[in-house]
Amino acid sequence: MPALDTTRPVLEGTGVSPGIAIGPMVHMGAPIAELPGPVSGGGPDIEFGRAQRALDEVARDLEQRRDRAEGDAFAVLDALSMLARDPALIDAVGAEVDGGRPAPHAVDAAIAGFRTMLEAAGGYLAERAADLTDLRNRAVARLLHLPMPGIPEHEAPFVLAAEDLAPADTVDLRPGHVLAIVTSRGGPTSHTAIIAKAMGLPCIVGCVGIAEVDDETLVIVDGSAGRVTADPDADEIAAAERRKEAREALLASSAGPGVTADGHGVQLLLNIGSAAAGAAEEVDAEGVGLLRTEFLFLDRTTEPTVEEQTASYHEIFAGFAGRKVVVRTLDVGADKPLPFVEPGPGDNPALGLRGWRLIANNPGLIERQLEAIAAAAATAPCEVWVMAPMIATVTEAEDFVALARAAGIATAGVMVEVPALALQAERLVEVVDFVSLGTNDLSQYTFAADRLVGELGELLDPWQPAVLELIARTATAGRAAGVPVGVCGEAASDPNLALVLTGFGCTSLSMSANAVAEVRAGLATTTLERCEELATLALTGTDGRDARTRVLAALTG
């Protein structure tokens, strides 16, 4: 991608969360990249005490943030606070102090050593190495009496600019005070993008040149177009205000089932990952397209019993009376180790024994879960479907459907996350009741690009034509066979991409609660024929950015 001219008042990036915001830009506090030269400290005991206090203060701060967080952010902050108290890390700091380093340099060196060890270990441990950078930045800032890296204090509402956001930072995001997020790094599936969508904040990632925009510069952020206008004139501000008001009015009037302007129905569903029984009352959606069941299994030393699982499922099902709930069976593995699950061999978690593949080394695990789902579904006031993750072949799909049928579950399908299965879509739809496309993992496996590596964000863009071709192939096969094909990855929450997915023939779109109104409003103003035209146009793109730009130009031109 050619370098952008950062002297222009308009900067471009990848819009990952729609909406328009107008306000002063404020840059997030930067971490201390390089420490000042070592100075003589107060002796090993004094310096060790300083380092211990700093790590303890950081741990307590992280624990406070953890207690305000939910979901993935809670787990990450909990793990990070435990790292700050890790006796092995404290011992390593002590060794550095004994070697003559003052406290800031001792902490820096000790954490660097831990990072090297974790990165060399690979797999799950290597993924945790990045968390240590955040820990180092916070501890060093305390020791040097410098501002803590993170969300800045600002009296008036502002647009936040950053290189990227760490999980600890996102806990302090306050919608209404932080108006929008713009980062110079990151991709469509980055932590920042996911959090911004969940909070309903306009967000642009990969915006080259944003670091050169001065603090307090007035900007217009258009999360749909992926555009930041710096120092706008009065006419540009007025036009942005009109677009913002029109969008808010459209969203406020959005209600009911998903339907195109000419009456073609597209089910709008929720992705949920906890016993959120009240979600149906809070969000105008047609059910659940992805119930992540991992919340029942994580942070436990023993497998939950069938009775425990049944009770949890029953609670969730009760909240969606008269609607559909699609339950995904356990999706853990080498990247999310559980003490009661045998992970099997392999150092690469993304390519190892995860999801359905766990059945080989853990006899009865999936069967017991299906038994619990079936027991809860027997008296549920909703329609319960079940699907398996990480299915790679038609034979595996057949095997899972047979297990579900044996448990007494009437409607069984699979997730298409592995390109091999999308390539076999015509045969797949002969053996399943429905298909759900997990676009996050489908992108990862299509491009051999680790979802956790921010530098690969452009490859992980769900607008990439190669991924769109796999989705189109699967949807076409489903339409020909009369088998529902849904999307439950991040792609479904992009209102413009939702039009493309509808044009391919996808029958349902599942997303975070904050995205439903936006997607529904977009469908309501677009005919099915227009969606099909946009789908064809998207496939002509040379890459994700080009495909997105072509569709956006067609919608706004």
Protein backbone atom coordinates (compact mmCIF):
# COMPACT_ATOMS: atom_id res chain seq x y z
CA MET A 1 0.00 0.00 0.00
CA PRO A 2 1.49 3.40 -0.95
CA ALA A 3 2.36 5.81 1.83
CA LEU A 4 -0.30 8.40 2.55
CA ASP A 5 0.39 12.12 2.29
CA THR A 6 0.12 13.08 5.95
CA THR A 7 0.15 16.80 5.11
CA ARG A 8 -3.37 16.45 3.71
CA PRO A 9 -6.23 17.16 6.12
CA VAL A 10 -7.81 13.78 5.34
CA LEU A 11 -6.24 10.52 6.54
CA GLU A 12 -7.47 7.06 5.63
CA GLY A 13 -7.44 3.71 7.41
CA THR A 14 -9.68 0.70 7.80
CA GLY A 15 -13.07 1.51 9.24
CA VAL A 16 -13.95 -1.30 11.65
CA SER A 17 -16.83 0.20 13.63
CA PRO A 18 -19.32 2.56 11.98
CA GLY A 19 -20.48 5.95 13.12
CA ILE A 20 -19.49 9.61 12.96
CA ALA A 21 -17.75 11.54 15.73
CA ILE A 22 -16.64 15.17 15.89
CA GLY A 23 -14.27 16.36 18.59
CA PRO A 24 -10.72 17.19 19.64
CA MET A 25 -8.13 14.48 19.15
CA VAL A 26 -6.07 13.43 22.17
CA HIS A 27 -3.20 10.97 21.94
CA MET A 28 -2.87 8.15 24.44
CA GLY A 29 0.06 8.28 26.85
CA ALA A 30 3.03 6.61 25.22
CA PRO A 31 5.09 3.90 26.97
CA ILE A 32 8.72 4.65 27.85
CA ALA A 33 10.57 3.16 24.91
CA GLU A 34 14.08 3.65 26.26
CA LEU A 35 15.14 4.07 29.86
CA PRO A 36 17.47 6.89 30.91
CA GLY A 37 21.03 5.79 31.57
CA PRO A 38 21.47 3.84 34.83
CA VAL A 39 22.17 5.97 37.88
CA SER A 40 23.46 4.79 41.20
CA GLY A 41 20.61 3.65 43.38
CA GLY A 42 20.22 3.30 47.11
CA GLY A 43 21.73 -0.14 47.36
CA PRO A 44 20.29 -3.55 46.43
CA ASP A 45 17.85 -3.76 49.33
CA ILE A 46 16.39 -0.32 48.68
CA GLU A 47 16.16 -0.83 44.91
CA PHE A 48 14.60 -4.28 45.35
CA GLY A 49 12.02 -2.79 47.70
CA ARG A 50 11.19 -0.07 45.16
CA ALA A 51 10.74 -2.64 42.42
CA GLN A 52 8.53 -4.86 44.60
CA ARG A 53 6.31 -1.92 45.55
CA ALA A 54 5.95 -0.84 41.93
CA LEU A 55 4.96 -4.33 40.79
CA ASP A 56 2.53 -4.65 43.68
CA GLU A 57 0.94 -1.29 42.84
CA VAL A 58 0.62 -2.32 39.21
CA ALA A 59 -0.94 -5.64 40.24
CA ARG A 60 -3.50 -3.88 42.46
CA ASP A 61 -4.32 -1.41 39.68
CA LEU A 62 -4.82 -4.28 37.22
CA GLU A 63 -7.01 -6.12 39.73
CA GLN A 64 -9.21 -3.03 40.08
CA ARG A 65 -9.48 -2.78 36.30
CA ARG A 66 -10.19 -6.51 36.12
CA ASP A 67 -13.11 -6.14 38.51
CA ARG A 68 -14.64 -3.51 36.20
CA ALA A 69 -14.13 -5.65 33.10
CA GLU A 70 -16.13 -8.44 31.48
CA GLY A 71 -15.49 -11.35 29.16
CA ASP A 72 -12.11 -11.64 27.48
CA ALA A 73 -10.83 -8.41 29.07
CA PHE A 74 -11.48 -9.84 32.56
CA ALA A 75 -9.46 -12.98 31.81
CA VAL A 76 -6.55 -11.06 30.28
CA LEU A 77 -6.33 -8.59 33.17
CA ASP A 78 -6.58 -11.38 35.71
CA ALA A 79 -3.67 -13.21 34.08
CA LEU A 80 -1.64 -10.00 33.85
CA SER A 81 -2.13 -9.14 37.53
CA MET A 82 -0.97 -12.64 38.46
CA LEU A 83 2.15 -12.16 36.32
CA ALA A 84 2.97 -8.99 38.27
CA ARG A 85 2.95 -11.06 41.48
CA ASP A 86 4.74 -14.10 40.03
CA PRO A 87 7.47 -15.18 42.50
CA ALA A 88 9.72 -16.19 39.62
CA LEU A 89 9.53 -12.69 38.18
CA ILE A 90 10.22 -11.15 41.61
CA ASP A 91 13.25 -13.42 42.00
CA ALA A 92 14.50 -12.40 38.55
CA VAL A 93 14.18 -8.72 39.51
CA GLY A 94 16.13 -9.45 42.70
CA ALA A 95 18.91 -11.06 40.69
CA GLU A 96 19.14 -7.99 38.44
CA VAL A 97 19.28 -5.67 41.45
CA ASP A 98 22.00 -7.78 43.04
CA GLY A 99 23.92 -7.37 39.79
CA GLY A 100 23.97 -3.61 40.29
CA ARG A 101 20.95 -2.45 38.29
CA PRO A 102 18.66 0.24 39.76
CA ALA A 103 14.96 -0.70 40.11
CA PRO A 104 13.62 0.54 36.71
CA HIS A 105 16.40 -1.19 34.79
CA ALA A 106 16.10 -4.35 36.90
CA VAL A 107 12.36 -4.63 36.14
CA ASP A 108 12.99 -3.91 32.46
CA ALA A 109 15.72 -6.57 32.20
CA ALA A 110 13.82 -9.20 34.21
CA ILE A 111 10.65 -8.85 32.14
CA ALA A 112 12.68 -8.88 28.91
CA GLY A 113 14.16 -12.19 30.02
CA PHE A 114 10.71 -13.60 30.70
CA ARG A 115 9.51 -12.42 27.30
CA THR A 116 12.37 -14.22 25.59
CA MET A 117 11.58 -17.46 27.43
CA LEU A 118 7.87 -17.32 26.61
CA GLU A 119 8.48 -16.52 22.95
CA ALA A 120 10.90 -19.44 22.70
CA ALA A 121 8.33 -21.77 24.29
CA GLY A 122 5.85 -21.10 21.48
CA GLY A 123 2.14 -21.85 21.49
CA TYR A 124 -0.02 -20.46 24.27
CA LEU A 125 2.96 -19.18 26.25
CA ALA A 126 4.26 -17.20 23.28
CA GLU A 127 0.88 -15.48 23.01
CA ARG A 128 1.21 -14.30 26.61
CA ALA A 129 4.58 -12.67 25.90
CA ALA A 130 2.90 -9.54 24.53
CA ASP A 131 1.10 -9.06 27.86
CA LEU A 132 4.48 -8.66 29.57
CA THR A 133 5.19 -5.54 27.53
CA ASP A 134 2.18 -3.84 29.05
CA LEU A 135 3.28 -4.97 32.53
CA ARG A 136 6.79 -3.60 31.93
CA ASN A 137 5.47 -0.24 30.72
CA ARG A 138 3.26 0.23 33.77
CA ALA A 139 5.91 -0.78 36.32
CA VAL A 140 8.64 1.38 34.75
CA ALA A 141 6.33 4.41 34.60
CA ARG A 142 5.67 4.09 38.35
CA LEU A 143 9.36 3.77 39.16
CA LEU A 144 10.28 6.82 37.07
CA HIS A 145 7.31 8.86 38.37
CA LEU A 146 6.04 9.37 34.82
CA PRO A 147 2.42 9.38 33.53
CA MET A 148 0.97 5.91 33.33
CA PRO A 149 0.50 4.73 29.74
CA GLY A 150 -3.18 4.46 28.96
CA ILE A 151 -6.35 6.44 28.35
CA PRO A 152 -5.60 10.13 28.97
CA GLU A 153 -7.49 12.30 31.43
CA HIS A 154 -9.39 14.95 29.50
CA GLU A 155 -12.15 17.18 30.78
CA ALA A 156 -14.19 17.34 27.56
CA PRO A 157 -15.23 14.41 25.33
CA PHE A 158 -12.50 13.55 22.83
CA VAL A 159 -11.38 11.30 19.99
CA LEU A 160 -8.69 8.89 21.21
CA ALA A 161 -5.61 8.38 19.03
CA ALA A 162 -3.12 5.61 19.76
CA GLU A 163 -0.70 3.21 18.18
CA ASP A 164 -2.96 0.44 19.45
CA LEU A 165 -4.84 -0.38 22.66
CA ALA A 166 -3.89 -3.01 25.23
CA PRO A 167 -6.68 -4.96 26.98
CA ALA A 168 -5.95 -3.04 30.21
CA ASP A 169 -6.59 0.25 28.40
CA THR A 170 -10.02 -0.65 27.10
CA VAL A 171 -11.48 -0.98 30.59
CA ASP A 172 -11.25 2.81 30.98
CA LEU A 173 -13.06 3.59 27.73
CA ARG A 174 -16.23 5.51 28.56
CA PRO A 175 -18.73 5.88 25.70
CA GLY A 176 -19.88 9.47 25.61
CA HIS A 177 -16.51 10.66 26.89
CA VAL A 178 -14.35 8.81 24.37
CA LEU A 179 -16.16 9.66 21.13
CA ALA A 180 -14.18 7.46 18.74
CA ILE A 181 -10.91 5.54 18.44
CA VAL A 182 -8.26 5.90 15.73
CA THR A 183 -5.12 3.75 15.77
CA SER A 184 -2.09 3.69 13.52
CA ARG A 185 -1.77 -0.12 13.83
CA GLY A 186 -4.11 -3.06 14.17
CA GLY A 187 -6.51 -4.79 11.84
CA PRO A 188 -10.21 -5.64 11.52
CA THR A 189 -9.99 -8.52 14.01
CA SER A 190 -7.69 -6.77 16.51
CA HIS A 191 -8.63 -6.41 20.17
CA THR A 192 -9.24 -2.69 19.58
CA ALA A 193 -11.65 -3.34 16.71
CA ILE A 194 -13.62 -5.94 18.64
CA ILE A 195 -13.94 -3.76 21.75
CA ALA A 196 -14.95 -0.68 19.74
CA LYS A 197 -17.71 -2.62 17.98
CA ALA A 198 -18.96 -4.05 21.25
CA MET A 199 -19.11 -0.53 22.75
CA GLY A 200 -20.63 1.07 19.67
CA LEU A 201 -17.72 3.49 19.23
CA PRO A 202 -16.71 4.65 15.73
CA CYS A 203 -13.27 3.18 15.09
CA ILE A 204 -10.59 3.29 12.42
CA VAL A 205 -7.46 1.13 12.56
CA GLY A 206 -4.31 1.16 10.46
CA CYS A 207 -4.61 4.94 9.96
CA VAL A 208 -1.13 5.93 8.81
CA GLY A 209 -0.14 9.43 9.85
CA ILE A 210 -2.51 9.81 12.77
CA ALA A 211 0.45 10.16 15.15
CA GLU A 212 1.40 13.40 13.37
CA VAL A 213 -1.96 15.05 14.12
CA ASP A 214 -1.45 17.41 17.08
CA ASP A 215 -3.34 17.04 20.33
CA GLU A 216 -6.55 19.12 20.53
CA THR A 217 -6.87 19.25 16.73
CA LEU A 218 -10.56 19.13 15.82
CA VAL A 219 -11.29 16.04 13.72
CA ILE A 220 -14.22 14.31 12.05
CA VAL A 221 -14.04 10.51 12.31
CA ASP A 222 -16.16 8.51 9.87
CA GLY A 223 -15.93 4.89 10.97
CA SER A 224 -17.89 3.63 7.97
CA ALA A 225 -15.66 5.30 5.40
CA GLY A 226 -12.42 4.79 7.35
CA ARG A 227 -11.65 8.50 7.07
CA VAL A 228 -10.35 11.14 9.49
CA THR A 229 -10.71 14.81 8.51
CA ALA A 230 -8.39 17.07 10.50
CA ASP A 231 -9.10 20.80 10.94
CA PRO A 232 -12.41 20.64 9.06
CA ASP A 233 -14.00 23.86 7.89
CA ALA A 234 -17.49 24.99 8.87
CA ASP A 235 -19.14 23.38 5.84
CA GLU A 236 -17.47 20.02 6.50
CA ILE A 237 -18.54 20.12 10.15
CA ALA A 238 -22.13 20.98 9.23
CA ALA A 239 -22.26 18.17 6.67
CA ALA A 240 -20.87 15.70 9.20
CA GLU A 241 -23.43 16.82 11.78
CA ARG A 242 -26.24 16.25 9.26
CA ARG A 243 -24.95 12.75 8.46
CA LYS A 244 -24.60 11.99 12.16
CA GLU A 245 -28.15 13.15 12.94
CA ALA A 246 -29.61 11.24 9.99
CA ARG A 247 -27.82 8.08 11.04
CA GLU A 248 -28.99 8.39 14.64
CA ALA A 249 -32.58 8.94 13.52
CA LEU A 250 -32.42 5.89 11.25
CA LEU A 251 -31.03 3.70 14.05
CA ALA A 252 -33.63 4.96 16.51
CA SER A 253 -36.42 3.90 14.15
CA SER A 254 -34.87 0.51 13.39
CA ALA A 255 -36.93 -2.36 14.80
CA GLY A 256 -38.23 -5.82 14.03
CA PRO A 257 -36.83 -8.64 11.88
CA GLY A 258 -34.03 -8.14 9.40
CA VAL A 259 -35.48 -7.51 5.95
CA THR A 260 -34.28 -5.85 2.77
CA ALA A 261 -36.10 -2.94 1.16
CA ASP A 262 -37.99 -5.37 -1.11
CA GLY A 263 -38.99 -7.79 1.65
CA HIS A 264 -36.23 -10.44 1.60
CA GLY A 265 -35.73 -11.75 5.14
CA VAL A 266 -32.29 -12.09 6.75
CA GLN A 267 -32.31 -13.24 10.39
CA LEU A 268 -30.38 -10.93 12.72
CA LEU A 269 -28.98 -12.84 15.69
CA LEU A 270 -26.68 -12.33 18.66
CA ASN A 271 -23.25 -13.67 19.56
CA ILE A 272 -23.17 -14.27 23.32
CA GLY A 273 -20.65 -15.91 25.61
CA SER A 274 -22.24 -16.11 29.03
CA ALA A 275 -25.50 -16.84 30.79
CA ALA A 276 -26.92 -13.58 29.40
CA ALA A 277 -30.55 -14.60 29.75
CA GLY A 278 -31.69 -10.99 29.76
CA ALA A 279 -30.10 -10.19 26.42
CA ALA A 280 -33.29 -10.95 24.50
CA GLU A 281 -35.18 -8.25 26.40
CA GLU A 282 -32.40 -5.69 25.94
CA VAL A 283 -31.77 -6.20 22.22
CA ASP A 284 -34.27 -6.39 19.38
CA ALA A 285 -32.80 -9.51 17.76
CA GLU A 286 -34.31 -12.72 16.42
CA GLY A 287 -32.34 -15.04 18.67
CA VAL A 288 -28.79 -16.27 19.14
CA GLY A 289 -26.60 -17.28 16.23
CA LEU A 290 -23.59 -18.19 18.38
CA LEU A 291 -23.73 -19.26 22.00
CA ARG A 292 -20.12 -19.76 23.07
CA THR A 293 -20.19 -22.46 25.73
CA GLU A 294 -16.59 -22.06 26.92
CA PHE A 295 -17.74 -19.88 29.86
CA LEU A 296 -18.98 -23.08 31.53
CA PHE A 297 -15.59 -24.77 31.32
CA LEU A 298 -12.98 -22.06 31.87
CA ASP A 299 -11.56 -21.26 35.31
CA ARG A 300 -12.45 -24.72 36.58
CA THR A 301 -10.31 -27.62 37.73
CA THR A 302 -12.94 -30.24 36.87
CA GLU A 303 -15.35 -30.66 34.00
CA PRO A 304 -18.83 -29.30 34.77
CA THR A 305 -21.33 -32.08 35.28
CA VAL A 306 -24.15 -32.76 32.86
CA GLU A 307 -26.55 -31.39 35.48
CA GLU A 308 -24.56 -28.16 35.88
CA GLN A 309 -24.41 -27.64 32.14
CA THR A 310 -28.10 -28.39 31.71
CA ALA A 311 -29.05 -25.78 34.31
CA SER A 312 -26.95 -23.09 32.61
CA TYR A 313 -28.34 -23.85 29.16
CA HIS A 314 -31.87 -23.88 30.52
CA GLU A 315 -31.37 -20.39 31.98
CA ILE A 316 -30.18 -19.01 28.65
CA PHE A 317 -32.88 -20.74 26.60
CA ALA A 318 -35.58 -19.30 28.87
CA GLY A 319 -34.51 -15.78 27.86
CA PHE A 320 -35.16 -16.41 24.18
CA ALA A 321 -38.70 -17.78 24.16
CA GLY A 322 -40.11 -18.12 20.66
CA ARG A 323 -36.72 -17.53 19.03
CA LYS A 324 -33.73 -19.56 17.85
CA VAL A 325 -30.58 -20.33 19.84
CA VAL A 326 -27.59 -21.87 18.07
CA VAL A 327 -25.23 -23.54 20.55
CA ARG A 328 -21.59 -24.10 19.64
CA THR A 329 -19.99 -27.06 21.36
CA LEU A 330 -16.77 -26.57 23.30
CA ASP A 331 -14.11 -24.65 21.36
CA VAL A 332 -10.96 -24.95 23.42
CA GLY A 333 -7.66 -26.64 22.84
CA ALA A 334 -3.95 -25.94 22.99
CA ASP A 335 -4.54 -22.17 23.00
CA LYS A 336 -6.97 -22.38 25.94
CA PRO A 337 -5.70 -25.29 28.05
CA LEU A 338 -8.07 -26.83 30.58
CA PRO A 339 -6.76 -29.04 33.38
CA PHE A 340 -9.38 -31.71 32.69
CA VAL A 341 -8.95 -31.75 28.90
CA GLU A 342 -6.10 -33.70 27.31
CA PRO A 343 -4.70 -31.38 24.60
CA GLY A 344 -2.61 -33.97 22.79
CA PRO A 345 0.66 -33.29 20.98
CA GLY A 346 1.53 -30.21 18.94
CA ASP A 347 3.10 -26.82 19.56
CA ASN A 348 0.91 -24.74 17.22
CA PRO A 349 -2.43 -24.10 18.94
CA ALA A 350 -4.19 -22.77 15.84
CA LEU A 351 -3.39 -25.98 13.95
CA GLY A 352 -3.66 -28.43 16.81
CA LEU A 353 -6.32 -30.39 18.65
CA ARG A 354 -9.00 -27.79 19.27
CA GLY A 355 -12.77 -27.84 19.01
CA TRP A 356 -14.13 -31.01 17.45
CA ARG A 357 -10.63 -32.50 17.27
CA LEU A 358 -10.58 -32.88 21.06
CA ILE A 359 -12.90 -35.87 20.73
CA ALA A 360 -9.98 -38.13 19.86
CA ASN A 361 -8.16 -37.69 23.18
CA ASN A 362 -11.17 -36.91 25.39
CA PRO A 363 -13.78 -39.64 24.99
CA GLY A 364 -17.17 -38.62 26.30
CA LEU A 365 -16.44 -34.88 26.59
CA ILE A 366 -18.56 -33.79 23.62
CA GLU A 367 -21.15 -36.50 24.21
CA ARG A 368 -21.78 -35.25 27.75
CA GLN A 369 -22.13 -31.70 26.50
CA LEU A 370 -24.62 -32.78 23.84
CA GLU A 371 -26.55 -34.70 26.48
CA ALA A 372 -26.84 -31.54 28.58
CA ILE A 373 -27.88 -29.40 25.60
CA ALA A 374 -30.52 -31.94 24.62
CA ALA A 375 -31.86 -32.14 28.18
CA ALA A 376 -32.21 -28.36 28.37
CA ALA A 377 -33.70 -28.17 24.88
CA ALA A 378 -36.38 -30.74 25.71
CA THR A 379 -38.26 -28.20 27.84
CA ALA A 380 -36.93 -25.00 26.26
CA PRO A 381 -39.38 -22.36 25.02
CA CYS A 382 -37.06 -21.68 22.07
CA GLU A 383 -35.78 -23.57 19.03
CA VAL A 384 -32.37 -25.05 19.83
CA TRP A 385 -29.80 -25.82 17.15
CA VAL A 386 -26.30 -27.16 17.81
CA MET A 387 -23.07 -26.90 15.81
CA ALA A 388 -19.47 -28.06 16.12
CA PRO A 389 -16.37 -25.89 15.60
CA MET A 390 -13.16 -26.79 13.76
CA ILE A 391 -14.73 -29.26 11.36
CA ALA A 392 -12.41 -29.92 8.41
CA THR A 393 -14.02 -32.70 6.35
CA VAL A 394 -17.47 -33.86 5.28
CA THR A 395 -16.88 -37.11 7.18
CA GLU A 396 -16.29 -35.16 10.40
CA ALA A 397 -19.49 -33.24 9.76
CA GLU A 398 -21.40 -36.50 9.32
CA ASP A 399 -19.93 -37.88 12.54
CA PHE A 400 -20.95 -34.82 14.54
CA VAL A 401 -24.48 -34.78 13.15
CA ALA A 402 -24.81 -38.46 14.07
CA LEU A 403 -23.68 -37.74 17.65
CA ALA A 404 -26.15 -34.87 17.96
CA ARG A 405 -28.98 -37.00 16.60
CA ALA A 406 -28.11 -39.79 19.04
CA ALA A 407 -28.32 -37.27 21.90
CA GLY A 408 -31.80 -36.26 20.77
CA ILE A 409 -31.03 -32.91 19.11
CA ALA A 410 -33.14 -32.38 16.01
CA THR A 411 -31.16 -29.67 14.20
CA ALA A 412 -27.40 -30.13 13.86
CA GLY A 413 -24.87 -28.28 11.75
CA VAL A 414 -21.22 -27.28 11.62
CA MET A 415 -19.03 -24.22 11.47
CA VAL A 416 -17.10 -23.53 8.30
CA GLU A 417 -13.81 -22.10 9.57
CA VAL A 418 -11.41 -24.30 7.60
CA PRO A 419 -11.07 -23.51 3.85
CA ALA A 420 -11.06 -27.23 3.01
CA LEU A 421 -14.66 -27.51 4.18
CA ALA A 422 -15.78 -24.48 2.17
CA LEU A 423 -14.26 -26.09 -0.91
CA GLN A 424 -16.44 -29.15 -0.22
CA ALA A 425 -19.58 -27.07 0.38
CA GLU A 426 -21.68 -28.84 -2.26
CA ARG A 427 -21.15 -32.17 -0.48
CA LEU A 428 -21.28 -30.67 3.00
CA VAL A 429 -24.84 -29.36 2.64
CA GLU A 430 -26.00 -32.90 1.87
CA VAL A 431 -25.18 -34.10 5.40
CA VAL A 432 -25.97 -31.13 7.70
CA ASP A 433 -29.09 -29.18 8.63
CA PHE A 434 -27.35 -25.79 8.51
CA VAL A 435 -23.93 -24.14 8.18
CA SER A 436 -22.42 -21.20 10.07
CA LEU A 437 -19.37 -19.38 8.73
CA GLY A 438 -16.83 -18.31 11.36
CA THR A 439 -15.10 -15.61 9.33
CA ASN A 440 -12.39 -14.81 11.91
CA ASP A 441 -10.84 -18.26 11.78
CA LEU A 442 -11.70 -18.69 8.10
CA SER A 443 -9.54 -15.63 7.39
CA GLN A 444 -6.75 -16.95 9.62
CA TYR A 445 -6.57 -20.29 7.88
CA THR A 446 -7.06 -18.94 4.36
CA PHE A 447 -4.07 -16.61 4.66
CA ALA A 448 -1.90 -18.60 7.08
CA ALA A 449 -1.99 -15.48 9.26
CA ASP A 450 -2.10 -15.72 13.05
CA ARG A 451 -5.06 -13.73 14.41
CA LEU A 452 -2.91 -12.57 17.33
CA VAL A 453 -0.28 -10.88 15.17
CA GLY A 454 -1.35 -7.28 14.62
CA GLU A 455 1.07 -6.79 11.72
CA LEU A 456 -1.02 -9.25 9.70
CA GLY A 457 -4.23 -7.26 10.17
CA GLU A 458 -4.68 -6.51 6.45
CA LEU A 459 -4.61 -10.22 5.60
CA LEU A 460 -7.22 -10.89 8.29
CA ASP A 461 -9.63 -8.35 6.84
CA PRO A 462 -12.94 -10.19 6.17
CA TRP A 463 -13.28 -8.09 3.03
CA GLN A 464 -10.41 -10.02 1.44
CA PRO A 465 -11.77 -11.38 -1.86
CA ALA A 466 -10.32 -14.87 -1.22
CA VAL A 467 -12.39 -15.15 1.97
CA LEU A 468 -15.44 -13.69 0.23
CA GLU A 469 -15.13 -16.33 -2.50
CA LEU A 470 -15.20 -19.10 0.10
CA ILE A 471 -18.27 -17.54 1.74
CA ALA A 472 -19.99 -17.14 -1.63
CA ARG A 473 -19.26 -20.75 -2.56
CA THR A 474 -20.73 -22.02 0.71
CA ALA A 475 -23.80 -19.78 0.49
CA THR A 476 -24.45 -20.80 -3.11
CA ALA A 477 -24.31 -24.48 -2.17
CA GLY A 478 -26.67 -23.89 0.74
CA ARG A 479 -29.15 -21.98 -1.38
CA ALA A 480 -29.20 -24.72 -4.02
CA ALA A 481 -29.86 -27.39 -1.38
CA GLY A 482 -32.26 -25.34 0.73
CA VAL A 483 -29.84 -25.44 3.68
CA PRO A 484 -29.54 -22.27 5.81
CA VAL A 485 -26.09 -20.64 5.73
CA GLY A 486 -25.32 -18.03 8.37
CA VAL A 487 -22.32 -15.89 9.33
CA CYS A 488 -21.30 -15.53 12.97
CA GLY A 489 -17.85 -13.96 12.64
CA GLU A 490 -16.93 -10.28 12.87
CA ALA A 491 -17.87 -9.87 9.20
CA ALA A 492 -21.56 -9.98 10.07
CA SER A 493 -21.34 -6.85 12.23
CA ASP A 494 -20.06 -4.64 9.40
CA PRO A 495 -23.22 -3.03 7.94
CA ASN A 496 -21.76 -2.69 4.45
CA LEU A 497 -20.30 -6.19 4.42
CA ALA A 498 -23.66 -7.48 5.71
CA LEU A 499 -25.17 -6.30 2.42
CA VAL A 500 -22.53 -8.26 0.50
CA LEU A 501 -23.14 -11.39 2.59
CA THR A 502 -26.86 -11.07 1.93
CA GLY A 503 -26.10 -10.79 -1.77
CA PHE A 504 -24.16 -14.05 -1.61
CA GLY A 505 -27.25 -15.78 -0.21
CA CYS A 506 -26.48 -15.93 3.52
CA THR A 507 -29.72 -16.43 5.44
CA SER A 508 -28.68 -15.13 8.87
CA LEU A 509 -26.14 -12.76 10.38
CA SER A 510 -25.01 -13.06 13.99
CA MET A 511 -23.19 -10.23 15.76
CA SER A 512 -22.64 -8.28 18.97
CA ALA A 513 -25.71 -6.56 20.39
CA ASN A 514 -24.51 -3.05 19.50
CA ALA A 515 -24.29 -3.90 15.79
CA VAL A 516 -27.85 -5.15 15.27
CA ALA A 517 -29.62 -1.83 14.71
CA GLU A 518 -26.97 -0.61 12.26
CA VAL A 519 -27.09 -3.78 10.17
CA ARG A 520 -30.89 -3.86 10.20
CA ALA A 521 -31.07 -0.22 9.08
CA GLY A 522 -28.68 -0.89 6.20
CA LEU A 523 -30.70 -3.87 4.99
CA ALA A 524 -33.95 -1.93 5.20
CA THR A 525 -32.71 0.66 2.69
CA THR A 526 -31.22 -1.80 0.18
CA THR A 527 -32.95 -4.23 -2.18
CA LEU A 528 -31.84 -7.84 -2.58
CA GLU A 529 -30.91 -7.12 -6.19
CA ARG A 530 -28.67 -4.28 -5.03
CA CYS A 531 -27.09 -6.57 -2.43
CA GLU A 532 -26.31 -9.07 -5.18
CA GLU A 533 -24.70 -6.31 -7.28
CA LEU A 534 -22.56 -5.26 -4.33
CA ALA A 535 -21.56 -8.89 -3.72
CA THR A 536 -20.37 -9.23 -7.30
CA LEU A 537 -18.49 -5.94 -7.03
CA ALA A 538 -16.74 -6.97 -3.80
CA LEU A 539 -15.36 -10.09 -5.48
CA THR A 540 -13.58 -7.91 -8.07
CA GLY A 541 -11.40 -6.26 -5.43
CA THR A 542 -7.67 -6.86 -5.47
CA ASP A 543 -7.47 -6.99 -1.66
CA GLY A 544 -9.61 -6.23 1.37
CA ARG A 545 -9.13 -2.47 1.28
CA ASP A 546 -9.93 -2.32 -2.44
CA ALA A 547 -13.06 -4.47 -2.06
CA ARG A 548 -14.30 -2.29 0.81
CA THR A 549 -13.55 0.91 -1.13
CA ARG A 550 -15.39 -0.32 -4.23
CA VAL A 551 -18.52 -1.19 -2.29
CA LEU A 552 -18.45 2.04 -0.27
CA ALA A 553 -18.08 4.09 -3.47
CA ALA A 554 -21.05 2.28 -4.99
CA LEU A 555 -23.16 2.94 -1.90
CA THR A 556 -22.26 6.63 -1.62
CA GLY A 557 -21.70 7.53 -5.27
